[in-house]
Amino acid sequence: KTKASARKIAMSIANSPLVKTAIAGEDANWGRVVMAVGKAGEPADRDK
């Protein structure tokens, strides 16, 4: 919706220990990215 919203979502992903450990394990676990997007508290539509 906005740049500020994009920043909050990006930071939610970047600060997720589950996302970061998956990357360390070389696992493209998009489910953890979905989780981080969903918990950010910003507008998001799962089906888009």
All heavy atoms as atom14 arrays in JSON, in Angstrom:
{
  "sequence": "KTKASARKIAMSIANSPLVKTAIAGEDANWGRVVMAVGKAGEPADRDK",
  "atom14_mask": [
    [1, 1, 1, 1, 1, 1, 1, 1, 1, 0, 0, 0, 0, 0],
    [1, 1, 1, 1, 1, 1, 1, 0, 0, 0, 0, 0, 0, 0],
    [1, 1, 1, 1, 1, 1, 1, 1, 1, 0, 0, 0, 0, 0],
    [1, 1, 1, 1, 1, 0, 0, 0, 0, 0, 0, 0, 0, 0],
    [1, 1, 1, 1, 1, 1, 0, 0, 0, 0, 0, 0, 0, 0],
    [1, 1, 1, 1, 1, 0, 0, 0, 0, 0, 0, 0, 0, 0],
    [1, 1, 1, 1, 1, 1, 1, 1, 1, 1, 1, 0, 0, 0],
    [1, 1, 1, 1, 1, 1, 1, 1, 1, 0, 0, 0, 0, 0],
    [1, 1, 1, 1, 1, 1, 1, 1, 0, 0, 0, 0, 0, 0],
    [1, 1, 1, 1, 1, 0, 0, 0, 0, 0, 0, 0, 0, 0],
    [1, 1, 1, 1, 1, 1, 1, 1, 0, 0, 0, 0, 0, 0],
    [1, 1, 1, 1, 1, 1, 0, 0, 0, 0, 0, 0, 0, 0],
    [1, 1, 1, 1, 1, 1, 1, 1, 0, 0, 0, 0, 0, 0],
    [1, 1, 1, 1, 1, 0, 0, 0, 0, 0, 0, 0, 0, 0],
    [1, 1, 1, 1, 1, 1, 1, 1, 0, 0, 0, 0, 0, 0],
    [1, 1, 1, 1, 1, 1, 0, 0, 0, 0, 0, 0, 0, 0],
    [1, 1, 1, 1, 1, 1, 1, 0, 0, 0, 0, 0, 0, 0],
    [1, 1, 1, 1, 1, 1, 1, 1, 0, 0, 0, 0, 0, 0],
    [1, 1, 1, 1, 1, 1, 1, 0, 0, 0, 0, 0, 0, 0],
    [1, 1, 1, 1, 1, 1, 1, 1, 1, 0, 0, 0, 0, 0],
    [1, 1, 1, 1, 1, 1, 1, 0, 0, 0, 0, 0, 0, 0],
    [1, 1, 1, 1, 1, 0, 0, 0, 0, 0, 0, 0, 0, 0],
    [1, 1, 1, 1, 1, 1, 1, 1, 0, 0, 0, 0, 0, 0],
    [1, 1, 1, 1, 1, 0, 0, 0, 0, 0, 0, 0, 0, 0],
    [1, 1, 1, 1, 0, 0, 0, 0, 0, 0, 0, 0, 0, 0],
    [1, 1, 1, 1, 1, 1, 1, 1, 1, 0, 0, 0, 0, 0],
    [1, 1, 1, 1, 1, 1, 1, 1, 0, 0, 0, 0, 0, 0],
    [1, 1, 1, 1, 1, 0, 0, 0, 0, 0, 0, 0, 0, 0],
    [1, 1, 1, 1, 1, 1, 1, 1, 0, 0, 0, 0, 0, 0],
    [1, 1, 1, 1, 1, 1, 1, 1, 1, 1, 1, 1, 1, 1],
    [1, 1, 1, 1, 0, 0, 0, 0, 0, 0, 0, 0, 0, 0],
    [1, 1, 1, 1, 1, 1, 1, 1, 1, 1, 1, 0, 0, 0],
    [1, 1, 1, 1, 1, 1, 1, 0, 0, 0, 0, 0, 0, 0],
    [1, 1, 1, 1, 1, 1, 1, 0, 0, 0, 0, 0, 0, 0],
    [1, 1, 1, 1, 1, 1, 1, 1, 0, 0, 0, 0, 0, 0],
    [1, 1, 1, 1, 1, 0, 0, 0, 0, 0, 0, 0, 0, 0],
    [1, 1, 1, 1, 1, 1, 1, 0, 0, 0, 0, 0, 0, 0],
    [1, 1, 1, 1, 0, 0, 0, 0, 0, 0, 0, 0, 0, 0],
    [1, 1, 1, 1, 1, 1, 1, 1, 1, 0, 0, 0, 0, 0],
    [1, 1, 1, 1, 1, 0, 0, 0, 0, 0, 0, 0, 0, 0],
    [1, 1, 1, 1, 0, 0, 0, 0, 0, 0, 0, 0, 0, 0],
    [1, 1, 1, 1, 1, 1, 1, 1, 1, 0, 0, 0, 0, 0],
    [1, 1, 1, 1, 1, 1, 1, 0, 0, 0, 0, 0, 0, 0],
    [1, 1, 1, 1, 1, 0, 0, 0, 0, 0, 0, 0, 0, 0],
    [1, 1, 1, 1, 1, 1, 1, 1, 0, 0, 0, 0, 0, 0],
    [1, 1, 1, 1, 1, 1, 1, 1, 1, 1, 1, 0, 0, 0],
    [1, 1, 1, 1, 1, 1, 1, 1, 0, 0, 0, 0, 0, 0],
    [1, 1, 1, 1, 1, 1, 1, 1, 1, 0, 0, 0, 0, 0]
  ],
  "atom14_positions": [
    [[0.83, -1.2, 0.0], [0.0, 0.0, 0.0], [0.87, 1.26, 0.0], [0.55, 2.24, -0.69], [-0.92, 0.0, 1.22], [-2.07, -0.99, 1.16], [-3.17, -0.48, 0.23], [-4.41, -1.36, 0.33], [-5.51, -0.88, -0.52], [0.0, 0.0, 0.0], [0.0, 0.0, 0.0], [0.0, 0.0, 0.0], [0.0, 0.0, 0.0], [0.0, 0.0, 0.0]],
    [[1.95, 1.23, 0.79], [2.86, 2.36, 0.89], [4.29, 1.86, 1.05], [4.51, 0.68, 1.35], [2.53, 3.25, 2.1], [2.73, 2.48, 3.3], [1.08, 3.76, 2.05], [0.0, 0.0, 0.0], [0.0, 0.0, 0.0], [0.0, 0.0, 0.0], [0.0, 0.0, 0.0], [0.0, 0.0, 0.0], [0.0, 0.0, 0.0], [0.0, 0.0, 0.0]],
    [[5.26, 2.76, 0.89], [6.65, 2.41, 1.13], [6.85, 2.01, 2.59], [7.57, 1.06, 2.89], [7.55, 3.59, 0.78], [9.04, 3.37, 1.09], [9.85, 4.6, 0.73], [11.28, 4.52, 1.25], [12.07, 3.44, 0.63], [0.0, 0.0, 0.0], [0.0, 0.0, 0.0], [0.0, 0.0, 0.0], [0.0, 0.0, 0.0], [0.0, 0.0, 0.0]],
    [[6.21, 2.75, 3.5], [6.34, 2.45, 4.93], [5.82, 1.05, 5.24], [6.4, 0.32, 6.05], [5.6, 3.49, 5.76], [0.0, 0.0, 0.0], [0.0, 0.0, 0.0], [0.0, 0.0, 0.0], [0.0, 0.0, 0.0], [0.0, 0.0, 0.0], [0.0, 0.0, 0.0], [0.0, 0.0, 0.0], [0.0, 0.0, 0.0], [0.0, 0.0, 0.0]],
    [[4.73, 0.67, 4.6], [4.17, -0.66, 4.79], [5.11, -1.72, 4.26], [5.34, -2.77, 4.88], [2.81, -0.77, 4.1], [2.24, -2.05, 4.28], [0.0, 0.0, 0.0], [0.0, 0.0, 0.0], [0.0, 0.0, 0.0], [0.0, 0.0, 0.0], [0.0, 0.0, 0.0], [0.0, 0.0, 0.0], [0.0, 0.0, 0.0], [0.0, 0.0, 0.0]],
    [[5.7, -1.45, 3.09], [6.68, -2.38, 2.5], [7.87, -2.55, 3.42], [8.39, -3.67, 3.59], [7.11, -1.88, 1.13], [0.0, 0.0, 0.0], [0.0, 0.0, 0.0], [0.0, 0.0, 0.0], [0.0, 0.0, 0.0], [0.0, 0.0, 0.0], [0.0, 0.0, 0.0], [0.0, 0.0, 0.0], [0.0, 0.0, 0.0], [0.0, 0.0, 0.0]],
    [[8.33, -1.45, 4.05], [9.47, -1.53, 4.97], [9.15, -2.42, 6.17], [9.96, -3.27, 6.57], [9.85, -0.12, 5.43], [10.86, -0.04, 6.58], [12.25, -0.54, 6.18], [12.84, 0.25, 5.14], [13.61, 1.33, 5.32], [13.86, 1.76, 6.54], [14.13, 1.97, 4.29], [0.0, 0.0, 0.0], [0.0, 0.0, 0.0], [0.0, 0.0, 0.0]],
    [[7.98, -2.26, 6.74], [7.61, -3.06, 7.92], [7.52, -4.55, 7.57], [7.95, -5.41, 8.35], [6.27, -2.57, 8.48], [6.37, -1.22, 9.18], [5.02, -0.8, 9.75], [5.12, 0.54, 10.45], [3.81, 0.99, 11.0], [0.0, 0.0, 0.0], [0.0, 0.0, 0.0], [0.0, 0.0, 0.0], [0.0, 0.0, 0.0], [0.0, 0.0, 0.0]],
    [[7.0, -4.85, 6.4], [6.89, -6.25, 5.99], [8.27, -6.82, 5.71], [8.59, -7.95, 6.11], [5.97, -6.38, 4.76], [4.53, -6.04, 5.15], [6.04, -7.79, 4.18], [3.57, -5.92, 3.98], [0.0, 0.0, 0.0], [0.0, 0.0, 0.0], [0.0, 0.0, 0.0], [0.0, 0.0, 0.0], [0.0, 0.0, 0.0], [0.0, 0.0, 0.0]],
    [[9.11, -6.04, 5.03], [10.47, -6.5, 4.73], [11.24, -6.76, 6.02], [11.97, -7.75, 6.14], [11.19, -5.46, 3.87], [0.0, 0.0, 0.0], [0.0, 0.0, 0.0], [0.0, 0.0, 0.0], [0.0, 0.0, 0.0], [0.0, 0.0, 0.0], [0.0, 0.0, 0.0], [0.0, 0.0, 0.0], [0.0, 0.0, 0.0], [0.0, 0.0, 0.0]],
    [[11.07, -5.88, 7.01], [11.76, -6.06, 8.28], [11.2, -7.27, 9.05], [11.94, -7.96, 9.76], [11.64, -4.8, 9.13], [12.61, -3.71, 8.71], [14.32, -4.25, 8.96], [15.19, -2.86, 8.24], [0.0, 0.0, 0.0], [0.0, 0.0, 0.0], [0.0, 0.0, 0.0], [0.0, 0.0, 0.0], [0.0, 0.0, 0.0], [0.0, 0.0, 0.0]],
    [[9.93, -7.52, 8.92], [9.34, -8.69, 9.56], [9.98, -9.96, 9.02], [10.28, -10.9, 9.77], [7.83, -8.7, 9.32], [7.24, -9.85, 9.91], [0.0, 0.0, 0.0], [0.0, 0.0, 0.0], [0.0, 0.0, 0.0], [0.0, 0.0, 0.0], [0.0, 0.0, 0.0], [0.0, 0.0, 0.0], [0.0, 0.0, 0.0], [0.0, 0.0, 0.0]],
    [[10.21, -9.99, 7.71], [10.87, -11.14, 7.09], [12.33, -11.21, 7.52], [12.84, -12.27, 7.92], [10.77, -11.04, 5.55], [9.31, -11.05, 5.1], [11.54, -12.19, 4.89], [9.12, -10.65, 3.64], [0.0, 0.0, 0.0], [0.0, 0.0, 0.0], [0.0, 0.0, 0.0], [0.0, 0.0, 0.0], [0.0, 0.0, 0.0], [0.0, 0.0, 0.0]],
    [[13.01, -10.07, 7.45], [14.45, -10.02, 7.74], [14.77, -10.38, 9.18], [15.84, -10.94, 9.46], [14.98, -8.62, 7.42], [0.0, 0.0, 0.0], [0.0, 0.0, 0.0], [0.0, 0.0, 0.0], [0.0, 0.0, 0.0], [0.0, 0.0, 0.0], [0.0, 0.0, 0.0], [0.0, 0.0, 0.0], [0.0, 0.0, 0.0], [0.0, 0.0, 0.0]],
    [[13.88, -10.07, 10.1], [14.14, -10.34, 11.51], [13.59, -11.68, 12.0], [13.72, -12.0, 13.19], [13.55, -9.21, 12.38], [14.41, -7.96, 12.35], [15.63, -8.04, 12.33], [13.77, -6.8, 12.36], [0.0, 0.0, 0.0], [0.0, 0.0, 0.0], [0.0, 0.0, 0.0], [0.0, 0.0, 0.0], [0.0, 0.0, 0.0], [0.0, 0.0, 0.0]],
    [[12.99, -12.43, 11.11], [12.42, -13.73, 11.52], [13.53, -14.77, 11.69], [14.22, -15.12, 10.73], [11.43, -14.22, 10.46], [11.14, -15.59, 10.67], [0.0, 0.0, 0.0], [0.0, 0.0, 0.0], [0.0, 0.0, 0.0], [0.0, 0.0, 0.0], [0.0, 0.0, 0.0], [0.0, 0.0, 0.0], [0.0, 0.0, 0.0], [0.0, 0.0, 0.0]],
    [[13.72, -15.32, 12.89], [14.72, -16.38, 13.07], [14.41, -17.6, 12.19], [15.34, -18.28, 11.73], [14.59, -16.73, 14.56], [14.02, -15.51, 15.19], [13.08, -14.95, 14.17], [0.0, 0.0, 0.0], [0.0, 0.0, 0.0], [0.0, 0.0, 0.0], [0.0, 0.0, 0.0], [0.0, 0.0, 0.0], [0.0, 0.0, 0.0], [0.0, 0.0, 0.0]],
    [[13.13, -17.86, 11.94], [12.77, -19.02, 11.11], [13.18, -18.81, 9.66], [13.68, -19.73, 9.0], [11.27, -19.28, 11.21], [10.78, -19.84, 12.55], [9.27, -19.98, 12.53], [11.44, -21.18, 12.84], [0.0, 0.0, 0.0], [0.0, 0.0, 0.0], [0.0, 0.0, 0.0], [0.0, 0.0, 0.0], [0.0, 0.0, 0.0], [0.0, 0.0, 0.0]],
    [[12.98, -17.6, 9.14], [13.42, -17.3, 7.78], [14.94, -17.38, 7.7], [15.51, -18.0, 6.8], [12.93, -15.91, 7.34], [13.57, -15.53, 5.99], [11.41, -15.88, 7.22], [0.0, 0.0, 0.0], [0.0, 0.0, 0.0], [0.0, 0.0, 0.0], [0.0, 0.0, 0.0], [0.0, 0.0, 0.0], [0.0, 0.0, 0.0], [0.0, 0.0, 0.0]],
    [[15.61, -16.76, 8.67], [17.08, -16.67, 8.64], [17.74, -18.04, 8.8], [18.76, -18.32, 8.18], [17.54, -15.7, 9.73], [17.14, -14.26, 9.43], [17.14, -13.39, 10.67], [18.53, -13.04, 11.13], [19.18, -12.1, 10.19], [0.0, 0.0, 0.0], [0.0, 0.0, 0.0], [0.0, 0.0, 0.0], [0.0, 0.0, 0.0], [0.0, 0.0, 0.0]],
    [[17.18, -18.92, 9.63], [17.76, -20.25, 9.78], [17.47, -21.12, 8.55], [18.3, -21.97, 8.19], [17.23, -20.95, 11.05], [15.8, -20.88, 11.08], [17.8, -20.29, 12.29], [0.0, 0.0, 0.0], [0.0, 0.0, 0.0], [0.0, 0.0, 0.0], [0.0, 0.0, 0.0], [0.0, 0.0, 0.0], [0.0, 0.0, 0.0], [0.0, 0.0, 0.0]],
    [[16.34, -20.89, 7.91], [16.06, -21.63, 6.67], [17.08, -21.27, 5.6], [17.57, -22.14, 4.87], [14.65, -21.31, 6.18], [0.0, 0.0, 0.0], [0.0, 0.0, 0.0], [0.0, 0.0, 0.0], [0.0, 0.0, 0.0], [0.0, 0.0, 0.0], [0.0, 0.0, 0.0], [0.0, 0.0, 0.0], [0.0, 0.0, 0.0], [0.0, 0.0, 0.0]],
    [[17.42, -20.0, 5.52], [18.42, -19.56, 4.54], [19.78, -20.15, 4.89], [20.53, -20.59, 4.0], [18.47, -18.02, 4.49], [17.15, -17.49, 3.92], [19.64, -17.55, 3.63], [16.99, -16.0, 4.04], [0.0, 0.0, 0.0], [0.0, 0.0, 0.0], [0.0, 0.0, 0.0], [0.0, 0.0, 0.0], [0.0, 0.0, 0.0], [0.0, 0.0, 0.0]],
    [[20.1, -20.2, 6.18], [21.36, -20.82, 6.59], [21.4, -22.29, 6.18], [22.46, -22.81, 5.81], [21.53, -20.7, 8.11], [0.0, 0.0, 0.0], [0.0, 0.0, 0.0], [0.0, 0.0, 0.0], [0.0, 0.0, 0.0], [0.0, 0.0, 0.0], [0.0, 0.0, 0.0], [0.0, 0.0, 0.0], [0.0, 0.0, 0.0], [0.0, 0.0, 0.0]],
    [[20.24, -22.94, 6.22], [20.16, -24.34, 5.81], [19.93, -24.52, 4.33], [19.71, -25.65, 3.86], [0.0, 0.0, 0.0], [0.0, 0.0, 0.0], [0.0, 0.0, 0.0], [0.0, 0.0, 0.0], [0.0, 0.0, 0.0], [0.0, 0.0, 0.0], [0.0, 0.0, 0.0], [0.0, 0.0, 0.0], [0.0, 0.0, 0.0], [0.0, 0.0, 0.0]],
    [[19.96, -23.4, 3.57], [19.79, -23.4, 2.11], [18.45, -24.01, 1.7], [18.34, -24.76, 0.73], [20.97, -24.1, 1.44], [22.29, -23.41, 1.75], [23.5, -24.06, 1.09], [23.41, -25.23, 0.67], [24.54, -23.37, 1.0], [0.0, 0.0, 0.0], [0.0, 0.0, 0.0], [0.0, 0.0, 0.0], [0.0, 0.0, 0.0], [0.0, 0.0, 0.0]],
    [[17.43, -23.66, 2.49], [16.08, -24.16, 2.25], [15.18, -23.01, 1.84], [14.97, -22.06, 2.6], [15.55, -24.81, 3.54], [14.12, -25.31, 3.41], [13.62, -25.4, 2.26], [13.5, -25.62, 4.44], [0.0, 0.0, 0.0], [0.0, 0.0, 0.0], [0.0, 0.0, 0.0], [0.0, 0.0, 0.0], [0.0, 0.0, 0.0], [0.0, 0.0, 0.0]],
    [[14.64, -23.05, 0.65], [13.74, -21.99, 0.16], [12.35, -22.2, 0.75], [11.37, -22.46, 0.04], [13.69, -22.02, -1.36], [0.0, 0.0, 0.0], [0.0, 0.0, 0.0], [0.0, 0.0, 0.0], [0.0, 0.0, 0.0], [0.0, 0.0, 0.0], [0.0, 0.0, 0.0], [0.0, 0.0, 0.0], [0.0, 0.0, 0.0], [0.0, 0.0, 0.0]],
    [[12.26, -22.05, 2.04], [11.01, -22.32, 2.76], [10.1, -21.09, 2.69], [10.11, -20.24, 3.58], [11.32, -22.69, 4.21], [10.11, -23.25, 4.93], [8.96, -22.94, 4.58], [10.35, -24.07, 5.94], [0.0, 0.0, 0.0], [0.0, 0.0, 0.0], [0.0, 0.0, 0.0], [0.0, 0.0, 0.0], [0.0, 0.0, 0.0], [0.0, 0.0, 0.0]],
    [[9.32, -21.0, 1.63], [8.48, -19.82, 1.44], [7.36, -19.74, 2.48], [6.81, -18.68, 2.74], [7.9, -19.79, 0.03], [6.89, -20.87, -0.25], [5.56, -20.83, 0.01], [7.13, -22.15, -0.82], [4.95, -22.01, -0.36], [5.9, -22.84, -0.89], [8.28, -22.79, -1.29], [5.79, -24.13, -1.4], [8.17, -24.07, -1.81], [6.93, -24.73, -1.85]],
    [[7.06, -20.87, 3.12], [6.05, -20.87, 4.17], [6.45, -19.94, 5.31], [5.6, -19.26, 5.91], [0.0, 0.0, 0.0], [0.0, 0.0, 0.0], [0.0, 0.0, 0.0], [0.0, 0.0, 0.0], [0.0, 0.0, 0.0], [0.0, 0.0, 0.0], [0.0, 0.0, 0.0], [0.0, 0.0, 0.0], [0.0, 0.0, 0.0], [0.0, 0.0, 0.0]],
    [[7.73, -19.87, 5.59], [8.2, -18.98, 6.66], [8.11, -17.52, 6.22], [7.9, -16.64, 7.06], [9.62, -19.36, 7.05], [9.69, -20.75, 7.69], [11.09, -21.12, 8.12], [11.08, -22.43, 8.79], [12.15, -23.01, 9.31], [13.33, -22.4, 9.24], [12.06, -24.19, 9.9], [0.0, 0.0, 0.0], [0.0, 0.0, 0.0], [0.0, 0.0, 0.0]],
    [[8.3, -17.27, 4.94], [8.14, -15.91, 4.43], [6.67, -15.5, 4.52], [6.34, -14.37, 4.92], [8.64, -15.81, 2.98], [8.38, -14.41, 2.41], [10.13, -16.14, 2.9], [0.0, 0.0, 0.0], [0.0, 0.0, 0.0], [0.0, 0.0, 0.0], [0.0, 0.0, 0.0], [0.0, 0.0, 0.0], [0.0, 0.0, 0.0], [0.0, 0.0, 0.0]],
    [[5.77, -16.42, 4.17], [4.34, -16.16, 4.28], [3.99, -15.81, 5.73], [3.25, -14.86, 6.01], [3.52, -17.37, 3.82], [2.03, -17.17, 4.12], [3.72, -17.63, 2.33], [0.0, 0.0, 0.0], [0.0, 0.0, 0.0], [0.0, 0.0, 0.0], [0.0, 0.0, 0.0], [0.0, 0.0, 0.0], [0.0, 0.0, 0.0], [0.0, 0.0, 0.0]],
    [[4.54, -16.58, 6.67], [4.32, -16.32, 8.08], [4.75, -14.9, 8.46], [4.01, -14.17, 9.13], [5.1, -17.35, 8.91], [5.12, -17.11, 10.41], [6.38, -15.91, 10.99], [7.9, -16.69, 10.47], [0.0, 0.0, 0.0], [0.0, 0.0, 0.0], [0.0, 0.0, 0.0], [0.0, 0.0, 0.0], [0.0, 0.0, 0.0], [0.0, 0.0, 0.0]],
    [[5.94, -14.52, 8.01], [6.48, -13.21, 8.37], [5.68, -12.08, 7.75], [5.5, -11.02, 8.37], [7.94, -13.11, 7.93], [0.0, 0.0, 0.0], [0.0, 0.0, 0.0], [0.0, 0.0, 0.0], [0.0, 0.0, 0.0], [0.0, 0.0, 0.0], [0.0, 0.0, 0.0], [0.0, 0.0, 0.0], [0.0, 0.0, 0.0], [0.0, 0.0, 0.0]],
    [[5.17, -12.27, 6.54], [4.31, -11.27, 5.91], [3.02, -11.14, 6.72], [2.56, -10.03, 7.05], [3.97, -11.65, 4.46], [2.9, -10.71, 3.88], [5.23, -11.61, 3.59], [0.0, 0.0, 0.0], [0.0, 0.0, 0.0], [0.0, 0.0, 0.0], [0.0, 0.0, 0.0], [0.0, 0.0, 0.0], [0.0, 0.0, 0.0], [0.0, 0.0, 0.0]],
    [[2.43, -12.26, 7.08], [1.16, -12.26, 7.78], [1.21, -11.64, 9.16], [0.22, -11.05, 9.6], [0.0, 0.0, 0.0], [0.0, 0.0, 0.0], [0.0, 0.0, 0.0], [0.0, 0.0, 0.0], [0.0, 0.0, 0.0], [0.0, 0.0, 0.0], [0.0, 0.0, 0.0], [0.0, 0.0, 0.0], [0.0, 0.0, 0.0], [0.0, 0.0, 0.0]],
    [[2.32, -11.76, 9.86], [2.41, -11.25, 11.23], [2.82, -9.79, 11.3], [2.83, -9.19, 12.38], [3.4, -12.08, 12.04], [4.87, -11.79, 11.72], [5.81, -12.47, 12.71], [7.25, -12.06, 12.45], [8.18, -12.6, 13.46], [0.0, 0.0, 0.0], [0.0, 0.0, 0.0], [0.0, 0.0, 0.0], [0.0, 0.0, 0.0], [0.0, 0.0, 0.0]],
    [[3.17, -9.18, 10.15], [3.71, -7.82, 10.14], [2.68, -6.77, 10.55], [3.04, -5.65, 10.9], [4.27, -7.5, 8.76], [0.0, 0.0, 0.0], [0.0, 0.0, 0.0], [0.0, 0.0, 0.0], [0.0, 0.0, 0.0], [0.0, 0.0, 0.0], [0.0, 0.0, 0.0], [0.0, 0.0, 0.0], [0.0, 0.0, 0.0], [0.0, 0.0, 0.0]],
    [[1.4, -7.12, 10.46], [0.37, -6.18, 10.83], [0.07, -5.15, 9.77], [-0.57, -4.13, 10.03], [0.0, 0.0, 0.0], [0.0, 0.0, 0.0], [0.0, 0.0, 0.0], [0.0, 0.0, 0.0], [0.0, 0.0, 0.0], [0.0, 0.0, 0.0], [0.0, 0.0, 0.0], [0.0, 0.0, 0.0], [0.0, 0.0, 0.0], [0.0, 0.0, 0.0]],
    [[0.53, -5.39, 8.55], [0.32, -4.49, 7.42], [-0.65, -5.11, 6.43], [-0.82, -6.33, 6.4], [1.65, -4.18, 6.74], [2.61, -3.37, 7.59], [2.06, -1.99, 7.91], [1.57, -1.31, 6.98], [2.11, -1.58, 9.08], [0.0, 0.0, 0.0], [0.0, 0.0, 0.0], [0.0, 0.0, 0.0], [0.0, 0.0, 0.0], [0.0, 0.0, 0.0]],
    [[-1.29, -4.28, 5.58], [-2.22, -4.83, 4.58], [-1.56, -5.89, 3.71], [-0.47, -5.68, 3.17], [-2.6, -3.59, 3.76], [-2.43, -2.44, 4.69], [-1.24, -2.8, 5.53], [0.0, 0.0, 0.0], [0.0, 0.0, 0.0], [0.0, 0.0, 0.0], [0.0, 0.0, 0.0], [0.0, 0.0, 0.0], [0.0, 0.0, 0.0], [0.0, 0.0, 0.0]],
    [[-2.22, -7.03, 3.57], [-1.73, -8.13, 2.74], [-2.92, -9.01, 2.38], [-3.86, -9.15, 3.17], [-0.67, -8.94, 3.46], [0.0, 0.0, 0.0], [0.0, 0.0, 0.0], [0.0, 0.0, 0.0], [0.0, 0.0, 0.0], [0.0, 0.0, 0.0], [0.0, 0.0, 0.0], [0.0, 0.0, 0.0], [0.0, 0.0, 0.0], [0.0, 0.0, 0.0]],
    [[-2.87, -9.58, 1.2], [-3.92, -10.48, 0.74], [-3.26, -11.8, 0.37], [-2.51, -11.88, -0.6], [-4.64, -9.88, -0.48], [-5.82, -10.71, -0.94], [-5.81, -11.94, -0.73], [-6.75, -10.13, -1.53], [0.0, 0.0, 0.0], [0.0, 0.0, 0.0], [0.0, 0.0, 0.0], [0.0, 0.0, 0.0], [0.0, 0.0, 0.0], [0.0, 0.0, 0.0]],
    [[-3.53, -12.81, 1.15], [-2.92, -14.12, 0.93], [-3.02, -14.59, -0.51], [-2.06, -15.12, -1.08], [-3.6, -15.14, 1.85], [-3.12, -16.58, 1.71], [-4.15, -17.52, 2.3], [-5.42, -17.41, 1.61], [-6.59, -17.79, 2.11], [-6.65, -18.27, 3.34], [-7.71, -17.68, 1.41], [0.0, 0.0, 0.0], [0.0, 0.0, 0.0], [0.0, 0.0, 0.0]],
    [[-4.18, -14.37, -1.14], [-4.42, -14.92, -2.46], [-3.8, -14.09, -3.59], [-3.91, -14.46, -4.76], [-5.92, -15.07, -2.69], [-6.54, -16.08, -1.73], [-5.8, -16.98, -1.28], [-7.73, -15.94, -1.4], [0.0, 0.0, 0.0], [0.0, 0.0, 0.0], [0.0, 0.0, 0.0], [0.0, 0.0, 0.0], [0.0, 0.0, 0.0], [0.0, 0.0, 0.0]],
    [[-3.14, -12.98, -3.24], [-2.43, -12.17, -4.25], [-0.91, -12.28, -4.08], [-0.15, -11.73, -4.87], [-2.85, -10.71, -4.15], [-4.29, -10.45, -4.56], [-4.61, -8.95, -4.49], [-6.05, -8.68, -4.95], [-6.37, -7.22, -4.88], [0.0, 0.0, 0.0], [0.0, 0.0, 0.0], [0.0, 0.0, 0.0], [0.0, 0.0, 0.0], [0.0, 0.0, 0.0]]
  ]
}
